[in-house]
C-alpha atoms as a PDB file:
ATOM      1  CA  MET A   1     112.524  85.201  59.526  1.00  0.00           C
ATOM      2  CA  SER A   2     110.417  87.290  61.897  1.00  0.00           C
ATOM      3  CA  THR A   3     111.314  90.687  63.260  1.00  0.00           C
ATOM      4  CA  ILE A   4     110.043  92.467  66.326  1.00  0.00           C
ATOM      5  CA  ALA A   5     109.758  96.220  65.946  1.00  0.00           C
ATOM      6  CA  LYS A   6     110.688  98.074  69.119  1.00  0.00           C
ATOM      7  CA  LEU A   7     109.022 101.450  69.653  1.00  0.00           C
ATOM      8  CA  SER A   8     110.338 104.481  71.444  1.00  0.00           C
ATOM      9  CA  GLY A   9     108.161 106.427  73.848  1.00  0.00           C
ATOM     10  CA  ASN A  10     107.891 109.212  71.251  1.00  0.00           C
ATOM     11  CA  ASP A  11     106.780 106.711  68.573  1.00  0.00           C
ATOM     12  CA  PHE A  12     104.098 105.424  70.917  1.00  0.00           C
ATOM     13  CA  ASP A  13     102.937 108.962  71.799  1.00  0.00           C
ATOM     14  CA  ARG A  14     102.575 109.824  68.094  1.00  0.00           C
ATOM     15  CA  MET A  15     100.569 106.632  67.528  1.00  0.00           C
ATOM     16  CA  VAL A  16      98.250 107.524  70.415  1.00  0.00           C
ATOM     17  CA  LEU A  17      97.752 111.065  69.067  1.00  0.00           C
ATOM     18  CA  ARG A  18      96.908 109.681  65.617  1.00  0.00           C
ATOM     19  CA  GLY A  19      94.325 107.264  67.031  1.00  0.00           C
ATOM     20  CA  ALA A  20      96.240 104.086  66.194  1.00  0.00           C
ATOM     21  CA  PHE A  21      94.618 102.150  69.038  1.00  0.00           C
ATOM     22  CA  VAL A  22      91.030 103.396  68.748  1.00  0.00           C
ATOM     23  CA  ASP A  23      89.679 100.233  67.120  1.00  0.00           C
ATOM     24  CA  ILE A  24      91.017  97.795  69.693  1.00  0.00           C
ATOM     25  CA  GLU A  25      88.580  98.746  72.440  1.00  0.00           C
ATOM     26  CA  PRO A  26      87.783  97.690  75.092  1.00  0.00           C
ATOM     27  CA  LYS A  27      91.375  96.651  75.592  1.00  0.00           C
ATOM     28  CA  LYS A  28      93.944  99.176  76.747  1.00  0.00           C
ATOM     29  CA  VAL A  29      97.571  99.240  75.747  1.00  0.00           C
ATOM     30  CA  GLU A  30     100.806 100.301  77.379  1.00  0.00           C
ATOM     31  CA  LEU A  31     104.384 100.492  76.161  1.00  0.00           C
ATOM     32  CA  ILE A  32     106.810  98.358  78.169  1.00  0.00           C
ATOM     33  CA  TYR A  33     110.412  97.758  77.065  1.00  0.00           C
ATOM     34  CA  GLY A  34     109.608  98.959  73.549  1.00  0.00           C
ATOM     35  CA  GLU A  35     106.699  96.553  73.097  1.00  0.00           C
ATOM     36  CA  ILE A  36     102.994  97.351  72.937  1.00  0.00           C
ATOM     37  CA  ARG A  37     101.276  95.305  75.621  1.00  0.00           C
ATOM     38  CA  PHE A  38      97.556  94.653  75.628  1.00  0.00           C
ATOM     39  CA  MET A  39      95.881  94.770  79.015  1.00  0.00           C
ATOM     40  CA  ASN A  40      92.893  92.665  80.019  1.00  0.00           C
ATOM     41  CA  PRO A  41      89.713  94.594  80.723  1.00  0.00           C
ATOM     42  CA  ALA A  42      89.171  95.021  84.452  1.00  0.00           C
ATOM     43  CA  GLY A  43      86.681  92.820  86.246  1.00  0.00           C
ATOM     44  CA  PRO A  44      84.341  93.849  89.073  1.00  0.00           C
ATOM     45  CA  VAL A  45      86.734  92.894  91.909  1.00  0.00           C
ATOM     46  CA  HIS A  46      89.571  94.854  90.264  1.00  0.00           C
ATOM     47  CA  ASP A  47      87.280  97.858  89.762  1.00  0.00           C
ATOM     48  CA  GLY A  48      86.041  97.703  93.361  1.00  0.00           C
ATOM     49  CA  GLN A  49      89.593  97.630  94.706  1.00  0.00           C
ATOM     50  CA  ILE A  50      90.574 100.624  92.560  1.00  0.00           C
ATOM     51  CA  GLU A  51      87.511 102.571  93.682  1.00  0.00           C
ATOM     52  CA  TYR A  52      88.329 101.864  97.333  1.00  0.00           C
ATOM     53  CA  LEU A  53      91.996 102.834  96.878  1.00  0.00           C
ATOM     54  CA  THR A  54      91.038 106.003  94.991  1.00  0.00           C
ATOM     55  CA  ASN A  55      88.684 107.116  97.764  1.00  0.00           C
ATOM     56  CA  TRP A  56      91.331 106.303 100.381  1.00  0.00           C
ATOM     57  CA  SER A  57      93.912 108.288  98.388  1.00  0.00           C
ATOM     58  CA  TYR A  58      91.725 111.398  98.131  1.00  0.00           C
ATOM     59  CA  ALA A  59      90.845 111.194 101.829  1.00  0.00           C
ATOM     60  CA  ASN A  60      94.532 111.053 102.792  1.00  0.00           C
ATOM     61  CA  THR A  61      96.218 113.593 100.528  1.00  0.00           C
ATOM     62  CA  ALA A  62      96.155 117.353 100.138  1.00  0.00           C
ATOM     63  CA  ARG A  63      95.004 118.318  96.646  1.00  0.00           C
ATOM     64  CA  GLN A  64      97.513 121.197  96.481  1.00  0.00           C
ATOM     65  CA  GLU A  65     100.400 118.761  97.114  1.00  0.00           C
ATOM     66  CA  VAL A  66      99.492 115.471  95.440  1.00  0.00           C
ATOM     67  CA  SER A  67      97.777 114.518  92.190  1.00  0.00           C
ATOM     68  CA  ILE A  68      95.896 111.228  92.178  1.00  0.00           C
ATOM     69  CA  ARG A  69      95.788 109.561  88.774  1.00  0.00           C
ATOM     70  CA  VAL A  70      93.663 106.491  88.091  1.00  0.00           C
ATOM     71  CA  GLN A  71      94.568 104.080  85.285  1.00  0.00           C
ATOM     72  CA  SER A  72      96.522 106.777  83.452  1.00  0.00           C
ATOM     73  CA  SER A  73      99.885 106.514  81.769  1.00  0.00           C
ATOM     74  CA  ILE A  74     103.133 107.788  83.199  1.00  0.00           C
ATOM     75  CA  HIS A  75     106.333 108.745  81.399  1.00  0.00           C
ATOM     76  CA  CYS A  76     109.255 106.462  82.319  1.00  0.00           C
ATOM     77  CA  GLY A  77     111.868 107.193  79.680  1.00  0.00           C
ATOM     78  CA  ASP A  78     110.798 105.188  76.626  1.00  0.00           C
ATOM     79  CA  HIS A  79     108.080 103.348  78.568  1.00  0.00           C
ATOM     80  CA  ARG A  80     104.409 104.307  78.985  1.00  0.00           C
ATOM     81  CA  PRO A  81     102.987 102.023  81.668  1.00  0.00           C
ATOM     82  CA  GLU A  82      99.486 102.613  83.032  1.00  0.00           C
ATOM     83  CA  PRO A  83      99.471 101.805  86.735  1.00  0.00           C
ATOM     84  CA  ASP A  84      96.097 101.484  88.409  1.00  0.00           C
ATOM     85  CA  LEU A  85      96.790 104.321  90.842  1.00  0.00           C
ATOM     86  CA  VAL A  86      99.495 106.982  90.980  1.00  0.00           C
ATOM     87  CA  TRP A  87     100.395 109.565  93.596  1.00  0.00           C
ATOM     88  CA  SER A  88     102.491 112.280  91.965  1.00  0.00           C
ATOM     89  CA  ARG A  89     103.616 115.830  92.512  1.00  0.00           C
ATOM     90  CA  ARG A  90     100.981 118.417  91.731  1.00  0.00           C
ATOM     91  CA  MET A  91     101.590 119.713  88.220  1.00  0.00           C
ATOM     92  CA  SER A  92     100.142 121.960  85.574  1.00  0.00           C
ATOM     93  CA  ALA A  93      97.032 120.694  83.822  1.00  0.00           C
ATOM     94  CA  LYS A  94      98.843 121.332  80.520  1.00  0.00           C
ATOM     95  CA  ARG A  95     101.360 118.597  81.256  1.00  0.00           C
ATOM     96  CA  ILE A  96     100.175 115.378  79.680  1.00  0.00           C
ATOM     97  CA  ARG A  97     101.670 112.814  82.051  1.00  0.00           C
ATOM     98  CA  PRO A  98     103.979 112.807  85.056  1.00  0.00           C
ATOM     99  CA  THR A  99     107.514 111.549  84.646  1.00  0.00           C
ATOM    100  CA  HIS A 100     109.164 109.028  86.922  1.00  0.00           C
ATOM    101  CA  ALA A 101     110.800 111.939  88.797  1.00  0.00           C
ATOM    102  CA  ASP A 102     107.338 113.262  89.801  1.00  0.00           C
ATOM    103  CA  LEU A 103     106.097 110.032  91.371  1.00  0.00           C
ATOM    104  CA  PHE A 104     105.640 109.246  95.057  1.00  0.00           C
ATOM    105  CA  LEU A 105     103.667 105.978  94.944  1.00  0.00           C
ATOM    106  CA  LEU A 106     102.459 103.546  92.287  1.00  0.00           C
ATOM    107  CA  ILE A 107      99.806 100.924  92.962  1.00  0.00           C
ATOM    108  CA  GLU A 108      98.827  97.999  90.762  1.00  0.00           C
ATOM    109  CA  VAL A 109      95.748  95.939  91.606  1.00  0.00           C
ATOM    110  CA  SER A 110      96.712  92.471  90.517  1.00  0.00           C
ATOM    111  CA  ASP A 111      93.988  89.965  89.839  1.00  0.00           C
ATOM    112  CA  SER A 112      95.249  88.240  86.683  1.00  0.00           C
ATOM    113  CA  SER A 113      98.586  90.046  86.169  1.00  0.00           C
ATOM    114  CA  THR A 114     100.477  89.203  89.359  1.00  0.00           C
ATOM    115  CA  GLU A 115     103.472  87.634  87.626  1.00  0.00           C
ATOM    116  CA  GLN A 116     103.980  90.654  85.361  1.00  0.00           C
ATOM    117  CA  ASP A 117     103.350  93.169  88.164  1.00  0.00           C
ATOM    118  CA  LEU A 118     105.853  91.521  90.520  1.00  0.00           C
ATOM    119  CA  GLY A 119     108.407  90.834  87.785  1.00  0.00           C
ATOM    120  CA  GLU A 120     108.726  93.047  84.750  1.00  0.00           C
ATOM    121  CA  LYS A 121     106.857  96.074  86.104  1.00  0.00           C
ATOM    122  CA  ALA A 122     108.688  95.999  89.434  1.00  0.00           C
ATOM    123  CA  ARG A 123     111.982  95.925  87.533  1.00  0.00           C
ATOM    124  CA  LEU A 124     110.894  98.793  85.261  1.00  0.00           C
ATOM    125  CA  TYR A 125     109.818 100.960  88.198  1.00  0.00           C
ATOM    126  CA  ALA A 126     113.004 100.220  90.147  1.00  0.00           C
ATOM    127  CA  GLU A 127     115.114 101.058  87.076  1.00  0.00           C
ATOM    128  CA  HIS A 128     113.423 104.476  87.053  1.00  0.00           C
ATOM    129  CA  ASP A 129     113.912 105.040  90.798  1.00  0.00           C
ATOM    130  CA  ILE A 130     110.231 105.180  91.664  1.00  0.00           C
ATOM    131  CA  PRO A 131     110.428 105.319  95.465  1.00  0.00           C
ATOM    132  CA  GLU A 132     107.495 103.076  96.305  1.00  0.00           C
ATOM    133  CA  TYR A 133     105.446 100.498  94.430  1.00  0.00           C
ATOM    134  CA  TRP A 134     102.603  98.417  95.846  1.00  0.00           C
ATOM    135  CA  VAL A 135     101.095  95.332  94.238  1.00  0.00           C
ATOM    136  CA  ILE A 136      97.655  94.535  95.624  1.00  0.00           C
ATOM    137  CA  ASP A 137      97.512  90.755  95.133  1.00  0.00           C
ATOM    138  CA  VAL A 138      93.766  90.116  95.134  1.00  0.00           C
ATOM    139  CA  ARG A 139      93.901  86.314  95.017  1.00  0.00           C
ATOM    140  CA  ALA A 140      96.474  85.915  97.803  1.00  0.00           C
ATOM    141  CA  GLU A 141      94.975  88.783  99.850  1.00  0.00           C
ATOM    142  CA  GLN A 142      98.438  90.286 100.250  1.00  0.00           C
ATOM    143  CA  VAL A 143     100.172  93.529  99.398  1.00  0.00           C
ATOM    144  CA  HIS A 144     103.733  93.388  98.112  1.00  0.00           C
ATOM    145  CA  ILE A 145     105.474  96.626  99.110  1.00  0.00           C
ATOM    146  CA  HIS A 146     108.546  97.583  97.069  1.00  0.00           C
ATOM    147  CA  ARG A 147     110.803 100.342  98.403  1.00  0.00           C
ATOM    148  CA  THR A 148     114.349 101.674  98.134  1.00  0.00           C
ATOM    149  CA  PRO A 149     115.189 101.307  94.438  1.00  0.00           C
ATOM    150  CA  SER A 150     118.887 100.963  93.678  1.00  0.00           C
ATOM    151  CA  GLN A 151     120.746  99.655  90.632  1.00  0.00           C
ATOM    152  CA  GLY A 152     117.526  98.583  88.905  1.00  0.00           C
ATOM    153  CA  LYS A 153     116.123  96.573  91.825  1.00  0.00           C
ATOM    154  CA  TYR A 154     114.044  97.280  94.889  1.00  0.00           C
ATOM    155  CA  GLN A 155     116.207  96.668  97.928  1.00  0.00           C
ATOM    156  CA  SER A 156     113.221  96.309 100.252  1.00  0.00           C
ATOM    157  CA  ILE A 157     110.336  94.023  99.292  1.00  0.00           C
ATOM    158  CA  GLN A 158     107.849  93.119 101.979  1.00  0.00           C
ATOM    159  CA  SER A 159     104.685  91.038 101.608  1.00  0.00           C
ATOM    160  CA  VAL A 160     101.977  91.674 104.165  1.00  0.00           C
ATOM    161  CA  ASP A 161      98.667  89.920 104.669  1.00  0.00           C
ATOM    162  CA  LYS A 162      95.211  91.300 105.258  1.00  0.00           C
ATOM    163  CA  SER A 163      95.757  91.764 108.992  1.00  0.00           C
ATOM    164  CA  ALA A 164      98.236  94.599 108.318  1.00  0.00           C
ATOM    165  CA  LEU A 165      97.921  98.356 108.294  1.00  0.00           C
ATOM    166  CA  ILE A 166     100.229  99.992 105.753  1.00  0.00           C
ATOM    167  CA  SER A 167     101.231 103.557 104.928  1.00  0.00           C
ATOM    168  CA  PRO A 168     103.181 105.098 102.051  1.00  0.00           C
ATOM    169  CA  LEU A 169     106.594 106.582 102.796  1.00  0.00           C
ATOM    170  CA  CYS A 170     105.503 109.962 101.424  1.00  0.00           C
ATOM    171  CA  LYS A 171     102.516 110.148 103.813  1.00  0.00           C
ATOM    172  CA  PRO A 172     103.032 107.978 106.932  1.00  0.00           C
ATOM    173  CA  ALA A 173      99.774 109.203 108.496  1.00  0.00           C
ATOM    174  CA  ALA A 174      97.767 107.718 105.592  1.00  0.00           C
ATOM    175  CA  THR A 175      97.009 104.305 107.036  1.00  0.00           C
ATOM    176  CA  LEU A 176      95.397 101.697 104.793  1.00  0.00           C
ATOM    177  CA  SER A 177      93.584  98.807 106.474  1.00  0.00           C
ATOM    178  CA  LEU A 178      94.110  95.720 104.351  1.00  0.00           C
ATOM    179  CA  ALA A 179      91.310  93.946 106.193  1.00  0.00           C
ATOM    180  CA  GLU A 180      88.897  96.593 104.903  1.00  0.00           C
ATOM    181  CA  LEU A 181      90.403  96.541 101.420  1.00  0.00           C
ATOM    182  CA  PHE A 182      90.214  92.768 101.027  1.00  0.00           C
ATOM    183  CA  ASP A 183      86.821  92.384 102.693  1.00  0.00           C
ATOM    184  CA  LEU A 184      84.996  94.617 100.194  1.00  0.00           C
ATOM    185  CA  ASP A 185      83.019  91.679  98.839  1.00  0.00           C
ATOM    186  CA  SER A 186      82.014  90.286 102.225  1.00  0.00           C
END
């Protein structure tokens, strides 16, 4: 008989502080639904997309209002996901990670994890009322925009192709050209 041990967020935090995951490099881990999930190392396309989105984020936000976090964990109850890019409320440097209540926008760049990003992670973020979640689908050259979380689901899900210009709800003037984003390798 096999048993799966479910971890709480506090259990995971203690393991991180004690260095429990040091020897598994270069893989990263996150805690989703009580399970430790290993994440594939990022490839060059993934890294290029994140760099572009990070630069766009800094160019379109006021540092005194918004913190930009890149591939860092967030606190969602007992979960510790690590989205590729986070826009959150500005907070004290002493605070380790923002909670779901601090978040404005989450972005995942999806090259090999599209199914998980559109399924389990979208459900997790909706359950925690994160107002906006984007999945940058590298292979399909689309962005899946999730908005209006209610009762554990996003009520508005829109997929747009590379001809679109998109903006986050929290900063409508911050226009992202998907043609530029997806044509980085051209």
